[in-house]
Each structure stands twice: as C-alpha cells, then as structure tokens.
C-alpha atoms as a PDB file:
ATOM      1  CA  ASP A   1       0.000   0.000   0.000  1.00  0.00           C
ATOM      2  CA  VAL A   2       2.972   2.347  -0.630  1.00  0.00           C
ATOM      3  CA  THR A   3       2.185   4.454  -3.682  1.00  0.00           C
ATOM      4  CA  ALA A   4       5.844   4.648  -4.799  1.00  0.00           C
ATOM      5  CA  VAL A   5       6.044   0.841  -5.021  1.00  0.00           C
ATOM      6  CA  PHE A   6       2.746   0.644  -6.909  1.00  0.00           C
ATOM      7  CA  CYS A   7       3.924   3.355  -9.313  1.00  0.00           C
ATOM      8  CA  ALA A   8       7.295   1.666  -9.937  1.00  0.00           C
ATOM      9  CA  ALA A   9       5.656  -1.677 -10.705  1.00  0.00           C
ATOM     10  CA  ARG A  10       3.084  -0.039 -12.973  1.00  0.00           C
ATOM     11  CA  ILE A  11       5.626   1.934 -14.985  1.00  0.00           C
ATOM     12  CA  ILE A  12       7.605  -1.242 -15.724  1.00  0.00           C
ATOM     13  CA  ALA A  13       4.567  -3.416 -16.501  1.00  0.00           C
ATOM     14  CA  GLU A  14       2.797  -0.822 -18.624  1.00  0.00           C
ATOM     15  CA  GLY A  15       5.978   0.096 -20.469  1.00  0.00           C
ATOM     16  CA  LEU A  16       6.663  -3.501 -21.479  1.00  0.00           C
ATOM     17  CA  ALA A  17       3.019  -4.138 -22.355  1.00  0.00           C
ATOM     18  CA  GLN A  18       3.038  -1.149 -24.727  1.00  0.00           C
ATOM     19  CA  MET A  19       5.875  -2.627 -26.771  1.00  0.00           C
ATOM     20  CA  SER A  20       4.967  -4.449 -29.961  1.00  0.00           C
ATOM     21  CA  VAL A  21       5.406  -8.220 -30.102  1.00  0.00           C
ATOM     22  CA  ARG A  22       6.682 -10.034 -33.161  1.00  0.00           C
ATOM     23  CA  VAL A  23       7.535 -13.666 -33.672  1.00  0.00           C
ATOM     24  CA  VAL A  24      10.477 -13.905 -36.063  1.00  0.00           C
ATOM     25  CA  GLU A  25      12.200 -16.798 -37.791  1.00  0.00           C
ATOM     26  CA  GLU A  26      15.793 -16.940 -38.921  1.00  0.00           C
ATOM     27  CA  ARG A  27      16.201 -18.107 -42.496  1.00  0.00           C
ATOM     28  CA  PHE A  28      19.599 -18.841 -43.989  1.00  0.00           C
ATOM     29  CA  ALA A  29      19.901 -18.596 -47.732  1.00  0.00           C
ATOM     30  CA  GLU A  30      22.032 -21.259 -49.352  1.00  0.00           C
ATOM     31  CA  GLY A  31      25.602 -20.041 -49.567  1.00  0.00           C
ATOM     32  CA  ALA A  32      24.897 -16.882 -47.583  1.00  0.00           C
ATOM     33  CA  GLY A  33      26.713 -16.236 -44.346  1.00  0.00           C
ATOM     34  CA  THR A  34      24.002 -14.107 -42.755  1.00  0.00           C
ATOM     35  CA  ALA A  35      20.458 -14.882 -41.717  1.00  0.00           C
ATOM     36  CA  THR A  36      17.300 -13.059 -42.723  1.00  0.00           C
ATOM     37  CA  LEU A  37      14.662 -12.402 -40.076  1.00  0.00           C
ATOM     38  CA  ILE A  38      11.139 -13.165 -41.260  1.00  0.00           C
ATOM     39  CA  VAL A  39       8.127 -12.022 -39.221  1.00  0.00           C
ATOM     40  CA  ARG A  40       5.827 -15.024 -38.766  1.00  0.00           C
ATOM     41  CA  ARG A  41       2.356 -13.557 -38.308  1.00  0.00           C
ATOM     42  CA  ASP A  42       0.913 -16.913 -39.327  1.00  0.00           C
ATOM     43  CA  HIS A  43       2.517 -18.668 -36.346  1.00  0.00           C
ATOM     44  CA  TRP A  44       0.332 -19.670 -33.368  1.00  0.00           C
ATOM     45  CA  ALA A  45       2.755 -17.933 -31.007  1.00  0.00           C
ATOM     46  CA  HIS A  46       2.105 -14.603 -32.735  1.00  0.00           C
ATOM     47  CA  ARG A  47      -1.628 -14.994 -32.215  1.00  0.00           C
ATOM     48  CA  LEU A  48      -1.155 -15.650 -28.496  1.00  0.00           C
ATOM     49  CA  LEU A  49       1.495 -13.054 -27.675  1.00  0.00           C
ATOM     50  CA  ALA A  50       0.507 -10.254 -30.020  1.00  0.00           C
ATOM     51  CA  VAL A  51      -3.261 -10.635 -30.373  1.00  0.00           C
ATOM     52  CA  LYS A  52      -5.175 -12.692 -27.798  1.00  0.00           C
ATOM     53  CA  PRO A  53      -3.666 -15.160 -25.303  1.00  0.00           C
ATOM     54  CA  ASN A  54      -7.005 -16.381 -23.926  1.00  0.00           C
ATOM     55  CA  ASP A  55     -10.737 -15.674 -23.992  1.00  0.00           C
ATOM     56  CA  TRP A  56     -10.769 -12.880 -21.394  1.00  0.00           C
ATOM     57  CA  GLN A  57      -7.520 -10.945 -21.908  1.00  0.00           C
ATOM     58  CA  THR A  58      -5.949  -8.896 -24.639  1.00  0.00           C
ATOM     59  CA  SER A  59      -2.243  -9.191 -25.400  1.00  0.00           C
ATOM     60  CA  HIS A  60      -1.622  -5.919 -23.553  1.00  0.00           C
ATOM     61  CA  GLU A  61      -3.533  -7.031 -20.448  1.00  0.00           C
ATOM     62  CA  PHE A  62      -1.811 -10.411 -20.372  1.00  0.00           C
ATOM     63  CA  ARG A  63       1.730  -9.083 -20.660  1.00  0.00           C
ATOM     64  CA  GLU A  64       1.041  -6.216 -18.264  1.00  0.00           C
ATOM     65  CA  GLY A  65      -0.331  -8.589 -15.616  1.00  0.00           C
ATOM     66  CA  LEU A  66       2.494 -11.078 -16.073  1.00  0.00           C
ATOM     67  CA  VAL A  67       5.213  -8.434 -15.689  1.00  0.00           C
ATOM     68  CA  PHE A  68       3.388  -6.726 -12.809  1.00  0.00           C
ATOM     69  CA  ASN A  69       3.351  -9.984 -10.837  1.00  0.00           C
ATOM     70  CA  ALA A  70       6.983 -10.697 -11.721  1.00  0.00           C
ATOM     71  CA  VAL A  71       8.078  -7.255 -10.529  1.00  0.00           C
ATOM     72  CA  LEU A  72       6.254  -7.369  -7.188  1.00  0.00           C
ATOM     73  CA  GLY A  73       6.375 -11.065  -6.336  1.00  0.00           C
ATOM     74  CA  GLU A  74       8.411 -14.179  -6.885  1.00  0.00           C
ATOM     75  CA  GLY A  75       7.641 -14.310 -10.587  1.00  0.00           C
ATOM     76  CA  ALA A  76       4.655 -15.148 -12.746  1.00  0.00           C
ATOM     77  CA  ILE A  77       3.524 -18.201 -14.669  1.00  0.00           C
ATOM     78  CA  ALA A  78       0.913 -19.010 -17.290  1.00  0.00           C
ATOM     79  CA  ILE A  79      -0.152 -22.580 -18.069  1.00  0.00           C
ATOM     80  CA  LYS A  80       0.059 -23.616 -21.704  1.00  0.00           C
ATOM     81  CA  ASN A  81      -3.086 -25.265 -23.015  1.00  0.00           C
ATOM     82  CA  VAL A  82      -1.626 -27.508 -25.727  1.00  0.00           C
ATOM     83  CA  ILE A  83      -3.746 -29.159 -28.405  1.00  0.00           C
ATOM     84  CA  LYS A  84      -2.096 -31.095 -31.245  1.00  0.00           C
ATOM     85  CA  ASP A  85       1.382 -29.718 -30.467  1.00  0.00           C
ATOM     86  CA  GLN A  86       0.142 -26.138 -30.567  1.00  0.00           C
ATOM     87  CA  VAL A  87      -0.417 -23.825 -27.604  1.00  0.00           C
ATOM     88  CA  LYS A  88      -4.015 -22.675 -27.927  1.00  0.00           C
ATOM     89  CA  GLU A  89      -4.221 -20.650 -24.707  1.00  0.00           C
ATOM     90  CA  LEU A  90      -1.995 -19.082 -22.068  1.00  0.00           C
ATOM     91  CA  LEU A  91      -3.763 -19.249 -18.709  1.00  0.00           C
ATOM     92  CA  PRO A  92      -2.228 -16.914 -16.076  1.00  0.00           C
ATOM     93  CA  VAL A  93      -2.040 -18.292 -12.529  1.00  0.00           C
ATOM     94  CA  PRO A  94      -2.872 -15.826  -9.715  1.00  0.00           C
ATOM     95  CA  ALA A  95      -0.014 -14.763  -7.459  1.00  0.00           C
ATOM     96  CA  GLY A  96       0.298 -16.922  -4.365  1.00  0.00           C
ATOM     97  CA  SER A  97      -1.370 -19.900  -6.045  1.00  0.00           C
ATOM     98  CA  TRP A  98       1.799 -21.545  -7.330  1.00  0.00           C
ATOM     99  CA  SER A  99       5.305 -22.506  -6.295  1.00  0.00           C
ATOM    100  CA  VAL A 100       8.405 -23.869  -8.021  1.00  0.00           C
ATOM    101  CA  GLU A 101      10.957 -26.432  -6.906  1.00  0.00           C
ATOM    102  CA  GLN A 102      14.012 -28.047  -8.419  1.00  0.00           C
ATOM    103  CA  MET A 103      13.925 -31.817  -8.717  1.00  0.00           C
ATOM    104  CA  PRO A 104      16.886 -34.193  -8.134  1.00  0.00           C
ATOM    105  CA  ASP A 105      17.524 -34.292 -11.889  1.00  0.00           C
ATOM    106  CA  TRP A 106      17.756 -30.441 -11.902  1.00  0.00           C
ATOM    107  CA  SER A 107      14.458 -30.050 -13.760  1.00  0.00           C
ATOM    108  CA  LEU A 108      11.859 -27.592 -12.511  1.00  0.00           C
ATOM    109  CA  ARG A 109       8.417 -28.586 -11.268  1.00  0.00           C
ATOM    110  CA  PHE A 110       5.581 -26.122 -10.688  1.00  0.00           C
ATOM    111  CA  ARG A 111       2.781 -26.779  -8.234  1.00  0.00           C
ATOM    112  CA  VAL A 112      -0.480 -24.927  -8.930  1.00  0.00           C
ATOM    113  CA  ASN A 113      -3.186 -24.730  -6.263  1.00  0.00           C
ATOM    114  CA  TYR A 114      -6.714 -24.622  -7.677  1.00  0.00           C
ATOM    115  CA  ALA A 115      -9.741 -22.858  -6.225  1.00  0.00           C
ATOM    116  CA  ASP A 116     -11.393 -26.184  -5.295  1.00  0.00           C
ATOM    117  CA  LYS A 117      -8.502 -26.948  -2.853  1.00  0.00           C
ATOM    118  CA  THR A 118      -6.888 -29.441  -5.253  1.00  0.00           C
ATOM    119  CA  HIS A 119      -3.544 -28.976  -6.978  1.00  0.00           C
ATOM    120  CA  GLY A 120      -1.635 -30.032 -10.042  1.00  0.00           C
ATOM    121  CA  TYR A 121       1.995 -30.295 -11.151  1.00  0.00           C
ATOM    122  CA  PHE A 122       3.498 -28.932 -14.356  1.00  0.00           C
ATOM    123  CA  SER A 123       6.943 -29.177 -15.922  1.00  0.00           C
ATOM    124  CA  HIS A 124       8.905 -26.168 -17.083  1.00  0.00           C
ATOM    125  CA  ALA A 125       7.921 -26.908 -20.681  1.00  0.00           C
ATOM    126  CA  GLU A 126       4.219 -26.781 -19.770  1.00  0.00           C
ATOM    127  CA  VAL A 127       4.244 -23.215 -18.425  1.00  0.00           C
ATOM    128  CA  LEU A 128       5.433 -19.772 -19.445  1.00  0.00           C
ATOM    129  CA  TYR A 129       7.679 -18.650 -16.584  1.00  0.00           C
ATOM    130  CA  LEU A 130       8.760 -15.040 -16.030  1.00  0.00           C
ATOM    131  CA  ARG A 131      10.892 -13.974 -13.080  1.00  0.00           C
ATOM    132  CA  GLY A 132      13.389 -11.359 -11.957  1.00  0.00           C
ATOM    133  CA  PRO A 133      16.979 -11.767 -10.681  1.00  0.00           C
ATOM    134  CA  SER A 134      17.743 -15.012  -8.879  1.00  0.00           C
ATOM    135  CA  LEU A 135      20.457 -16.434  -6.640  1.00  0.00           C
ATOM    136  CA  ASP A 136      19.737 -20.110  -7.221  1.00  0.00           C
ATOM    137  CA  GLY A 137      18.809 -19.822 -10.883  1.00  0.00           C
ATOM    138  CA  PHE A 138      15.128 -20.693 -10.655  1.00  0.00           C
ATOM    139  CA  THR A 139      13.466 -18.686  -7.832  1.00  0.00           C
ATOM    140  CA  ALA A 140      13.281 -14.907  -7.999  1.00  0.00           C
ATOM    141  CA  LEU A 141      14.304 -12.322  -5.432  1.00  0.00           C
ATOM    142  CA  PRO A 142      11.156 -10.211  -4.924  1.00  0.00           C
ATOM    143  CA  ALA A 143      12.051  -6.536  -5.069  1.00  0.00           C
ATOM    144  CA  VAL A 144       9.559  -5.716  -2.295  1.00  0.00           C
ATOM    145  CA  LYS A 145      11.397  -8.061   0.079  1.00  0.00           C
ATOM    146  CA  GLN A 146      14.836  -6.782  -0.817  1.00  0.00           C
ATOM    147  CA  ALA A 147      13.662  -3.193  -0.300  1.00  0.00           C
ATOM    148  CA  ARG A 148      11.470  -3.929   2.718  1.00  0.00           C
ATOM    149  CA  GLN A 149      13.344  -1.514   5.011  1.00  0.00           C
ATOM    150  CA  ALA A 150      12.978   1.407   2.595  1.00  0.00           C
ATOM    151  CA  ILE A 151       9.337   0.541   1.911  1.00  0.00           C
ATOM    152  CA  GLY A 152       8.623   0.162   5.630  1.00  0.00           C
ATOM    153  CA  LEU A 153      10.133   3.546   6.415  1.00  0.00           C
ATOM    154  CA  SER A 154       8.132   5.158   3.618  1.00  0.00           C
ATOM    155  CA  ARG A 155       4.937   3.571   4.949  1.00  0.00           C
ATOM    156  CA  ALA A 156       5.730   4.743   8.486  1.00  0.00           C
ATOM    157  CA  LEU A 157       6.194   8.303   7.232  1.00  0.00           C
ATOM    158  CA  GLU A 158       2.877   8.133   5.384  1.00  0.00           C
ATOM    159  CA  LEU A 159       1.059   6.872   8.493  1.00  0.00           C
ATOM    160  CA  GLN A 160       2.683   9.510  10.669  1.00  0.00           C
ATOM    161  CA  GLN A 161       1.735  12.254   8.221  1.00  0.00           C
ATOM    162  CA  ALA A 162      -1.816  10.875   8.000  1.00  0.00           C
ATOM    163  CA  LYS A 163      -2.178  10.933  11.792  1.00  0.00           C
ATOM    164  CA  LEU A 164      -0.914  14.508  11.923  1.00  0.00           C
ATOM    165  CA  ALA A 165      -3.341  15.513   9.176  1.00  0.00           C
ATOM    166  CA  GLY A 166      -6.158  13.672  10.972  1.00  0.00           C
ATOM    167  CA  ASN A 167      -5.354  15.786  14.001  1.00  0.00           C
ATOM    168  CA  GLY A 168      -5.916  18.908  11.970  1.00  0.00           C
ATOM    169  CA  GLY A 169      -2.186  19.399  11.569  1.00  0.00           C
ATOM    170  CA  LYS A 170      -2.060  20.311  15.243  1.00  0.00           C
ATOM    171  CA  PRO A 171       0.345  18.538  17.596  1.00  0.00           C
ATOM    172  CA  SER A 172      -0.802  16.755  20.720  1.00  0.00           C
ATOM    173  CA  GLY A 173       0.469  18.100  24.008  1.00  0.00           C
ATOM    174  CA  VAL A 174       0.093  18.477  27.760  1.00  0.00           C
ATOM    175  CA  LEU A 175      -1.812  21.317  29.402  1.00  0.00           C
ATOM    176  CA  SER A 176      -0.426  21.701  32.934  1.00  0.00           C
ATOM    177  CA  LEU A 177      -1.648  23.844  35.806  1.00  0.00           C
ATOM    178  CA  PRO A 178       0.096  24.517  39.139  1.00  0.00           C
ATOM    179  CA  SER A 179      -2.912  23.583  41.286  1.00  0.00           C
ATOM    180  CA  ARG A 180      -4.773  20.275  41.440  1.00  0.00           C
ATOM    181  CA  LEU A 181      -8.082  20.213  39.576  1.00  0.00           C
ATOM    182  CA  SER A 182     -11.151  18.199  40.353  1.00  0.00           C
ATOM    183  CA  GLU A 183     -12.060  15.419  37.947  1.00  0.00           C
ATOM    184  CA  GLU A 184     -15.120  17.326  36.710  1.00  0.00           C
ATOM    185  CA  THR A 185     -13.124  20.511  36.078  1.00  0.00           C
ATOM    186  CA  ARG A 186     -10.361  18.556  34.340  1.00  0.00           C
ATOM    187  CA  ASP A 187     -12.842  16.842  32.004  1.00  0.00           C
ATOM    188  CA  LYS A 188     -14.534  20.138  31.135  1.00  0.00           C
ATOM    189  CA  LEU A 189     -11.205  21.828  30.457  1.00  0.00           C
ATOM    190  CA  LYS A 190     -10.090  18.935  28.246  1.00  0.00           C
ATOM    191  CA  ALA A 191     -13.361  18.969  26.299  1.00  0.00           C
ATOM    192  CA  THR A 192     -13.183  22.733  25.810  1.00  0.00           C
ATOM    193  CA  TRP A 193      -9.559  22.608  24.660  1.00  0.00           C
ATOM    194  CA  GLN A 194     -10.272  19.678  22.305  1.00  0.00           C
ATOM    195  CA  ALA A 195     -13.290  21.429  20.796  1.00  0.00           C
ATOM    196  CA  ASN A 196     -11.354  24.616  20.059  1.00  0.00           C
ATOM    197  CA  PHE A 197      -7.836  23.414  19.325  1.00  0.00           C
ATOM    198  CA  GLY A 198      -8.296  19.745  18.352  1.00  0.00           C
ATOM    199  CA  PRO A 199      -9.164  18.335  14.896  1.00  0.00           C
ATOM    200  CA  GLY A 200     -11.813  20.505  13.270  1.00  0.00           C
ATOM    201  CA  GLY A 201     -11.537  23.137  15.993  1.00  0.00           C
ATOM    202  CA  GLU A 202     -11.707  26.824  15.171  1.00  0.00           C
ATOM    203  CA  GLY A 203      -8.425  27.561  16.916  1.00  0.00           C
ATOM    204  CA  GLY A 204      -7.769  31.135  17.895  1.00  0.00           C
ATOM    205  CA  ILE A 205      -6.126  32.453  21.066  1.00  0.00           C
ATOM    206  CA  ALA A 206      -6.326  30.340  24.211  1.00  0.00           C
ATOM    207  CA  ILE A 207      -6.829  32.236  27.479  1.00  0.00           C
ATOM    208  CA  ILE A 208      -6.541  30.166  30.663  1.00  0.00           C
ATOM    209  CA  ASP A 209      -5.899  31.467  34.144  1.00  0.00           C
ATOM    210  CA  GLN A 210      -3.946  29.828  37.020  1.00  0.00           C
ATOM    211  CA  ASP A 211      -0.638  30.118  35.123  1.00  0.00           C
ATOM    212  CA  ALA A 212      -1.451  27.249  32.714  1.00  0.00           C
ATOM    213  CA  LYS A 213       1.262  25.996  30.356  1.00  0.00           C
ATOM    214  CA  PHE A 214       1.009  23.956  27.141  1.00  0.00           C
ATOM    215  CA  ALA A 215       3.848  21.643  26.120  1.00  0.00           C
ATOM    216  CA  SER A 216       3.831  20.061  22.656  1.00  0.00           C
ATOM    217  CA  MET A 217       4.486  16.305  22.546  1.00  0.00           C
ATOM    218  CA  THR A 218       5.071  15.903  18.796  1.00  0.00           C
ATOM    219  CA  MET A 219       6.980  17.730  16.110  1.00  0.00           C
ATOM    220  CA  THR A 220       5.311  19.591  13.279  1.00  0.00           C
ATOM    221  CA  SER A 221       5.821  18.463   9.689  1.00  0.00           C
ATOM    222  CA  VAL A 222       8.289  21.327   9.184  1.00  0.00           C
ATOM    223  CA  ASP A 223      10.436  20.283  12.175  1.00  0.00           C
ATOM    224  CA  ALA A 224      10.434  16.651  11.080  1.00  0.00           C
ATOM    225  CA  GLN A 225      11.252  17.606   7.446  1.00  0.00           C
ATOM    226  CA  PHE A 226       8.650  15.163   6.185  1.00  0.00           C
ATOM    227  CA  ILE A 227       8.735  16.406   2.609  1.00  0.00           C
ATOM    228  CA  GLU A 228      12.486  15.980   2.211  1.00  0.00           C
ATOM    229  CA  THR A 229      12.506  12.610   3.968  1.00  0.00           C
ATOM    230  CA  ARG A 230       9.664  11.263   1.851  1.00  0.00           C
ATOM    231  CA  ARG A 231      11.439  12.469  -1.290  1.00  0.00           C
ATOM    232  CA  MET A 232      14.517  10.497  -0.282  1.00  0.00           C
ATOM    233  CA  GLN A 233      12.409   7.392   0.366  1.00  0.00           C
ATOM    234  CA  ILE A 234      10.844   7.614  -3.086  1.00  0.00           C
ATOM    235  CA  GLU A 235      14.331   7.752  -4.574  1.00  0.00           C
ATOM    236  CA  GLU A 236      15.383   4.758  -2.455  1.00  0.00           C
ATOM    237  CA  ILE A 237      12.392   2.731  -3.662  1.00  0.00           C
ATOM    238  CA  ALA A 238      13.088   3.807  -7.246  1.00  0.00           C
ATOM    239  CA  ARG A 239      16.651   2.554  -6.808  1.00  0.00           C
ATOM    240  CA  ALA A 240      15.418  -0.873  -5.728  1.00  0.00           C
ATOM    241  CA  PHE A 241      13.226  -1.204  -8.828  1.00  0.00           C
ATOM    242  CA  ARG A 242      15.829   0.455 -11.104  1.00  0.00           C
ATOM    243  CA  VAL A 243      13.309   3.071 -12.188  1.00  0.00           C
ATOM    244  CA  GLN A 244      14.199   6.705 -12.765  1.00  0.00           C
ATOM    245  CA  PRO A 245      12.490   8.901 -10.106  1.00  0.00           C
ATOM    246  CA  ILE A 246      11.185  11.154 -12.877  1.00  0.00           C
ATOM    247  CA  MET A 247       9.178   8.178 -14.173  1.00  0.00           C
ATOM    248  CA  MET A 248       7.556   7.923 -10.722  1.00  0.00           C
ATOM    249  CA  MET A 249       6.296  11.527 -10.896  1.00  0.00           C
ATOM    250  CA  GLN A 250       9.239  12.644  -8.738  1.00  0.00           C
ATOM    251  CA  ALA A 251      10.275  15.910 -10.387  1.00  0.00           C
ATOM    252  CA  ASP A 252      13.828  17.182  -9.980  1.00  0.00           C
ATOM    253  CA  LYS A 253      13.897  20.970  -9.721  1.00  0.00           C
ATOM    254  CA  ALA A 254      17.352  21.050 -11.319  1.00  0.00           C
ATOM    255  CA  ALA A 255      16.309  18.928 -14.310  1.00  0.00           C
ATOM    256  CA  THR A 256      16.236  20.512 -17.748  1.00  0.00           C
ATOM    257  CA  PHE A 257      14.493  19.373 -20.900  1.00  0.00           C
ATOM    258  CA  ALA A 258      17.763  17.873 -22.133  1.00  0.00           C
ATOM    259  CA  SER A 259      18.474  15.978 -18.905  1.00  0.00           C
ATOM    260  CA  ALA A 260      14.853  14.806 -18.675  1.00  0.00           C
ATOM    261  CA  GLU A 261      15.108  13.416 -22.203  1.00  0.00           C
ATOM    262  CA  GLN A 262      18.220  11.472 -21.212  1.00  0.00           C
ATOM    263  CA  MET A 263      16.387  10.115 -18.167  1.00  0.00           C
ATOM    264  CA  PHE A 264      13.607   8.842 -20.436  1.00  0.00           C
ATOM    265  CA  ARG A 265      16.222   7.187 -22.685  1.00  0.00           C
ATOM    266  CA  HIS A 266      17.838   5.659 -19.605  1.00  0.00           C
ATOM    267  CA  HIS A 267      14.449   4.233 -18.588  1.00  0.00           C
ATOM    268  CA  VAL A 268      13.973   2.529 -21.962  1.00  0.00           C
ATOM    269  CA  ILE A 269      17.529   1.161 -22.165  1.00  0.00           C
ATOM    270  CA  HIS A 270      18.308   0.192 -18.571  1.00  0.00           C
ATOM    271  CA  THR A 271      14.857  -0.492 -17.077  1.00  0.00           C
ATOM    272  CA  LEU A 272      12.569  -1.795 -19.797  1.00  0.00           C
END
C-alpha cells in the first residue's frame, strides 16, 4: 500500500506491455553467411502473444499482468493449453497460487493450487515462466522483500503524516496547571480545549488562568522535514526497482528538458 512501489511496478509493466510483439524466424539462404529475419504472423505464437492469449484478456492485459506480478512477487507463470502440439491458450495463474521447486535431476516442477482446494503439477515446458533476478537460478528475489526496510520507512512516514493531518495538523500536548483540579473541572477543560484546538476546531487564542502551560508532545511536519525525507524514500524505492524517479512523478527541480530526455532514454535502455 505504498504508492511509490505501486507506481514503480506499474511503470515497468505498462511500459513492457506497450511494446509491440513479433515472432520472427531466422532463415539462412544457401551459400549466404548471414540470416534473414522473417516475421511469422501466421505462427500460433504470434496470435497468443501479439493478439489474444485467452478468452478474457488482450495481449496488452496479459503481458502487463504477467510483468506486474513478476516485478512485485516471486515471478509469474501461465499454463500452456496444448492441443495437437500447438499452444491454444496461455492461462495466467494468480499470485500466491503456485510454487516452483528443483527436482533431483535439476528439472523444474511447478505446483499450482486450484480454487477447489486441489492442486496439479506442471513441468517447465508446460508453463510460461517469467521472473526477476535469482540467486539459485530458478526462484526470484522479490524486489519488495529486498527493499522492505525502505518501503517500511516510507509507509511509516505516510502513516505519521496521515495521523498529523487527521489531528488537523495540530500537535498533541500536555496542558499543565500549578494547582490540582477536580475530575469534573479537568474533564470540562479537556473537552473545551479539544473542541477549540483539536481536529476541526476553530483555533484562535487560548486564554486560561492559574498560570497554565502547554507543552507540545510531537513535532510539526516542518520540524520533522517530512517532505524531504519522503522524497529520499521515493528515490530509495526507485533505486530498488531500477526506475528513474522522474518516471515515478518525482520531479527534480534542477532537471532541464535535455536531462529529462536522457532520463527517459535511460528508462527505456536500462529499465525496460
């Protein structure tokens, strides 16, 4: 529920889904040393990847969802529905409903849990498997886990800012008086102070006798430098996903049109 993480995952998934898909075949002419690439629009793989992978998704929706899951989680898989040696459908498996393990012969086996509490096993050849960087070669390192400290700090800052805003932007504090008050007087004073200077209160100038003193218990957003800290956390999250901050709506005041253009080129080359 951190908007920077959601934005980073979206910008990668949407960017890859917007790219065109072509199935090409290498053809070597007799006696020629170079190959010619022929676009095979008549191939069944072109129909699935570039047009319609199944009955309820477009090519854009399928690739966007697959990459989105791969970016945020431990990868993404789609089961191949094969009929007469041709893949007729690619059926995406929801995140959290599958797992992968390496068998003694080094092959990969995927377990898929169905909605009716049953499960099935599939080989690597029977699924389309997409994942991010890996240490063991077959399971991904989820970016959200690797950046959990940065994401947690960003979430804590958001919650703290939300609580301060819910309090009308006014800090909590202690109102102290030199003499002891009765319980009834203390409750009335608290209710009056809360009504005027709490969330939704009109504010104004407080006038209390008996040498009363107010001591703030929390810092204001200016003292805590929330804006600068949250900016740094967005950059830290962007670093974990290898996304330029400018792509996450994080504007750099020093950026020019020329530098912004280079950032967009960097996004295409080094992220997508």
